[in-house]
Amino acid sequence: MNLETGLIIIGIAILLLVLFCIPVLLKLRQAVSDINITLQTLNERLPLILKNMEEISTNINQSTTALNTQVQSYALTSSRINLMMNEAVSKIEMVAPLALYSPLVRKISSVIPVLKGVSAFFSVLSGKEKA
């Protein structure tokens, strides 16, 4: 009698387990069906998505190439301007000391203090002193 009771309990446990598994299996079957529909839709749309991605990639590559070309052009122009400016500055540096020793610069540098003195004299004479 003990063996029969044990087998009945095991049978009832297996029956309950099967009864509880049926809704889970039905939900699982529904989920698999939904996944199949989603997968089918994705497979239908994937070539179009890939084509769009290729177009986007091509456009980005073309834009990058055009931008790179423009940057190289500006870099070349900038280096030419830099070379010209360096050349001009070096020539000015060579000529500037020579210009300081010219007679015209010496006369101007000696006339400026005289003009300042005359200006101060006339301002004092006219009564317009600086405060």
C-alpha atoms as a PDB file:
ATOM      1  CA  MET A   1       0.000   0.000   0.000  1.00  0.00           C
ATOM      2  CA  ASN A   2       2.889   2.271   0.619  1.00  0.00           C
ATOM      3  CA  LEU A   3       4.231   1.785  -2.888  1.00  0.00           C
ATOM      4  CA  GLU A   4       0.853   2.462  -4.446  1.00  0.00           C
ATOM      5  CA  THR A   5       0.442   5.687  -2.484  1.00  0.00           C
ATOM      6  CA  GLY A   6       3.899   6.854  -3.521  1.00  0.00           C
ATOM      7  CA  LEU A   7       3.183   6.117  -7.178  1.00  0.00           C
ATOM      8  CA  ILE A   8      -0.146   7.946  -6.981  1.00  0.00           C
ATOM      9  CA  ILE A   9       1.554  11.002  -5.424  1.00  0.00           C
ATOM     10  CA  ILE A  10       4.274  10.946  -8.082  1.00  0.00           C
ATOM     11  CA  GLY A  11       1.625  10.605 -10.812  1.00  0.00           C
ATOM     12  CA  ILE A  12      -0.390  13.526  -9.414  1.00  0.00           C
ATOM     13  CA  ALA A  13       2.805  15.620  -9.178  1.00  0.00           C
ATOM     14  CA  ILE A  14       3.662  14.856 -12.798  1.00  0.00           C
ATOM     15  CA  LEU A  15       0.081  15.659 -13.841  1.00  0.00           C
ATOM     16  CA  LEU A  16       0.192  19.005 -11.994  1.00  0.00           C
ATOM     17  CA  LEU A  17       3.576  19.767 -13.543  1.00  0.00           C
ATOM     18  CA  VAL A  18       2.190  19.047 -17.017  1.00  0.00           C
ATOM     19  CA  LEU A  19      -0.884  21.201 -16.310  1.00  0.00           C
ATOM     20  CA  PHE A  20       1.290  24.112 -15.194  1.00  0.00           C
ATOM     21  CA  CYS A  21       3.614  23.723 -18.190  1.00  0.00           C
ATOM     22  CA  ILE A  22       0.787  23.841 -20.767  1.00  0.00           C
ATOM     23  CA  PRO A  23       0.131  27.642 -20.418  1.00  0.00           C
ATOM     24  CA  VAL A  24       3.867  28.315 -20.423  1.00  0.00           C
ATOM     25  CA  LEU A  25       4.299  26.263 -23.569  1.00  0.00           C
ATOM     26  CA  LEU A  26       1.349  28.031 -25.216  1.00  0.00           C
ATOM     27  CA  LYS A  27       2.853  31.451 -24.385  1.00  0.00           C
ATOM     28  CA  LEU A  28       6.218  30.246 -25.654  1.00  0.00           C
ATOM     29  CA  ARG A  29       4.596  29.082 -28.890  1.00  0.00           C
ATOM     30  CA  GLN A  30       2.921  32.501 -29.295  1.00  0.00           C
ATOM     31  CA  ALA A  31       6.247  34.266 -28.642  1.00  0.00           C
ATOM     32  CA  VAL A  32       7.993  32.101 -31.240  1.00  0.00           C
ATOM     33  CA  SER A  33       5.240  32.922 -33.726  1.00  0.00           C
ATOM     34  CA  ASP A  34       5.677  36.660 -33.048  1.00  0.00           C
ATOM     35  CA  ILE A  35       9.438  36.329 -33.411  1.00  0.00           C
ATOM     36  CA  ASN A  36       8.986  34.550 -36.740  1.00  0.00           C
ATOM     37  CA  ILE A  37       6.759  37.378 -37.998  1.00  0.00           C
ATOM     38  CA  THR A  38       9.288  39.961 -36.829  1.00  0.00           C
ATOM     39  CA  LEU A  39      12.130  38.034 -38.427  1.00  0.00           C
ATOM     40  CA  GLN A  40      10.239  37.765 -41.704  1.00  0.00           C
ATOM     41  CA  THR A  41       9.523  41.519 -41.693  1.00  0.00           C
ATOM     42  CA  LEU A  42      13.148  42.257 -40.897  1.00  0.00           C
ATOM     43  CA  ASN A  43      14.351  39.993 -43.698  1.00  0.00           C
ATOM     44  CA  GLU A  44      12.047  41.786 -46.134  1.00  0.00           C
ATOM     45  CA  ARG A  45      13.222  45.249 -45.099  1.00  0.00           C
ATOM     46  CA  LEU A  46      16.892  44.476 -44.505  1.00  0.00           C
ATOM     47  CA  PRO A  47      18.038  44.854 -48.143  1.00  0.00           C
ATOM     48  CA  LEU A  48      16.498  48.333 -48.309  1.00  0.00           C
ATOM     49  CA  ILE A  49      18.098  49.260 -44.996  1.00  0.00           C
ATOM     50  CA  LEU A  50      21.488  48.007 -46.209  1.00  0.00           C
ATOM     51  CA  LYS A  51      21.104  49.939 -49.463  1.00  0.00           C
ATOM     52  CA  ASN A  52      20.361  53.121 -47.509  1.00  0.00           C
ATOM     53  CA  MET A  53      23.370  52.474 -45.288  1.00  0.00           C
ATOM     54  CA  GLU A  54      25.589  52.069 -48.365  1.00  0.00           C
ATOM     55  CA  GLU A  55      24.279  55.347 -49.807  1.00  0.00           C
ATOM     56  CA  ILE A  56      24.909  57.118 -46.522  1.00  0.00           C
ATOM     57  CA  SER A  57      28.415  55.666 -46.357  1.00  0.00           C
ATOM     58  CA  THR A  58      29.121  56.722 -49.945  1.00  0.00           C
ATOM     59  CA  ASN A  59      27.874  60.255 -49.262  1.00  0.00           C
ATOM     60  CA  ILE A  60      29.999  60.519 -46.134  1.00  0.00           C
ATOM     61  CA  ASN A  61      33.066  59.301 -48.042  1.00  0.00           C
ATOM     62  CA  GLN A  62      32.464  61.834 -50.824  1.00  0.00           C
ATOM     63  CA  SER A  63      31.971  64.643 -48.308  1.00  0.00           C
ATOM     64  CA  THR A  64      35.117  63.654 -46.454  1.00  0.00           C
ATOM     65  CA  THR A  65      37.113  63.578 -49.684  1.00  0.00           C
ATOM     66  CA  ALA A  66      35.811  67.001 -50.740  1.00  0.00           C
ATOM     67  CA  LEU A  67      36.524  68.443 -47.312  1.00  0.00           C
ATOM     68  CA  ASN A  68      40.018  66.964 -47.302  1.00  0.00           C
ATOM     69  CA  THR A  69      40.707  68.488 -50.725  1.00  0.00           C
ATOM     70  CA  GLN A  70      39.565  71.918 -49.527  1.00  0.00           C
ATOM     71  CA  VAL A  71      41.661  71.683 -46.363  1.00  0.00           C
ATOM     72  CA  GLN A  72      44.737  70.756 -48.395  1.00  0.00           C
ATOM     73  CA  SER A  73      44.071  73.688 -50.722  1.00  0.00           C
ATOM     74  CA  TYR A  74      43.782  76.077 -47.769  1.00  0.00           C
ATOM     75  CA  ALA A  75      46.930  74.626 -46.222  1.00  0.00           C
ATOM     76  CA  LEU A  76      48.848  75.222 -49.454  1.00  0.00           C
ATOM     77  CA  THR A  77      47.544  78.796 -49.671  1.00  0.00           C
ATOM     78  CA  SER A  78      48.394  79.378 -46.024  1.00  0.00           C
ATOM     79  CA  SER A  79      51.937  78.098 -46.486  1.00  0.00           C
ATOM     80  CA  ARG A  80      52.411  80.376 -49.517  1.00  0.00           C
ATOM     81  CA  ILE A  81      51.162  83.390 -47.548  1.00  0.00           C
ATOM     82  CA  ASN A  82      53.422  82.437 -44.643  1.00  0.00           C
ATOM     83  CA  LEU A  83      56.412  82.202 -46.986  1.00  0.00           C
ATOM     84  CA  MET A  84      55.628  85.603 -48.519  1.00  0.00           C
ATOM     85  CA  MET A  85      55.173  87.225 -45.100  1.00  0.00           C
ATOM     86  CA  ASN A  86      58.438  85.747 -43.812  1.00  0.00           C
ATOM     87  CA  GLU A  87      60.227  87.022 -46.901  1.00  0.00           C
ATOM     88  CA  ALA A  88      58.726  90.505 -46.513  1.00  0.00           C
ATOM     89  CA  VAL A  89      59.589  90.679 -42.814  1.00  0.00           C
ATOM     90  CA  SER A  90      63.161  89.547 -43.420  1.00  0.00           C
ATOM     91  CA  LYS A  91      63.597  92.216 -46.109  1.00  0.00           C
ATOM     92  CA  ILE A  92      62.152  94.860 -43.778  1.00  0.00           C
ATOM     93  CA  GLU A  93      64.539  93.691 -41.059  1.00  0.00           C
ATOM     94  CA  MET A  94      67.436  94.123 -43.484  1.00  0.00           C
ATOM     95  CA  VAL A  95      66.361  97.604 -44.621  1.00  0.00           C
ATOM     96  CA  ALA A  96      65.195  99.027 -41.261  1.00  0.00           C
ATOM     97  CA  PRO A  97      68.652  99.462 -39.666  1.00  0.00           C
ATOM     98  CA  LEU A  98      69.943 101.105 -42.833  1.00  0.00           C
ATOM     99  CA  ALA A  99      67.027 103.545 -42.831  1.00  0.00           C
ATOM    100  CA  LEU A 100      67.899 104.708 -39.315  1.00  0.00           C
ATOM    101  CA  TYR A 101      71.277 105.930 -40.547  1.00  0.00           C
ATOM    102  CA  SER A 102      69.910 107.929 -43.482  1.00  0.00           C
ATOM    103  CA  PRO A 103      70.283 111.723 -43.396  1.00  0.00           C
ATOM    104  CA  LEU A 104      66.522 112.231 -43.662  1.00  0.00           C
ATOM    105  CA  VAL A 105      65.844 110.228 -40.491  1.00  0.00           C
ATOM    106  CA  ARG A 106      68.581 112.107 -38.641  1.00  0.00           C
ATOM    107  CA  LYS A 107      67.113 115.467 -39.656  1.00  0.00           C
ATOM    108  CA  ILE A 108      63.599 114.376 -38.675  1.00  0.00           C
ATOM    109  CA  SER A 109      64.839 113.100 -35.312  1.00  0.00           C
ATOM    110  CA  SER A 110      66.574 116.419 -34.649  1.00  0.00           C
ATOM    111  CA  VAL A 111      63.608 118.532 -35.828  1.00  0.00           C
ATOM    112  CA  ILE A 112      61.028 116.770 -33.620  1.00  0.00           C
ATOM    113  CA  PRO A 113      62.459 118.060 -30.292  1.00  0.00           C
ATOM    114  CA  VAL A 114      62.685 121.552 -31.761  1.00  0.00           C
ATOM    115  CA  LEU A 115      59.014 121.398 -32.774  1.00  0.00           C
ATOM    116  CA  LYS A 116      58.049 120.190 -29.295  1.00  0.00           C
ATOM    117  CA  GLY A 117      59.976 123.065 -27.748  1.00  0.00           C
ATOM    118  CA  VAL A 118      58.343 125.623 -30.051  1.00  0.00           C
ATOM    119  CA  SER A 119      54.934 124.131 -29.272  1.00  0.00           C
ATOM    120  CA  ALA A 120      55.595 124.364 -25.532  1.00  0.00           C
ATOM    121  CA  PHE A 121      56.822 127.951 -25.898  1.00  0.00           C
ATOM    122  CA  PHE A 122      53.707 129.042 -27.765  1.00  0.00           C
ATOM    123  CA  SER A 123      51.403 127.272 -25.321  1.00  0.00           C
ATOM    124  CA  VAL A 124      53.065 129.054 -22.382  1.00  0.00           C
ATOM    125  CA  LEU A 125      53.042 132.330 -24.279  1.00  0.00           C
ATOM    126  CA  SER A 126      49.351 132.071 -24.996  1.00  0.00           C
ATOM    127  CA  GLY A 127      48.613 131.023 -21.399  1.00  0.00           C
ATOM    128  CA  LYS A 128      47.384 127.546 -22.201  1.00  0.00           C
ATOM    129  CA  GLU A 129      49.515 125.472 -19.878  1.00  0.00           C
ATOM    130  CA  LYS A 130      48.864 121.799 -19.563  1.00  0.00           C
ATOM    131  CA  ALA A 131      47.387 120.806 -16.219  1.00  0.00           C
END
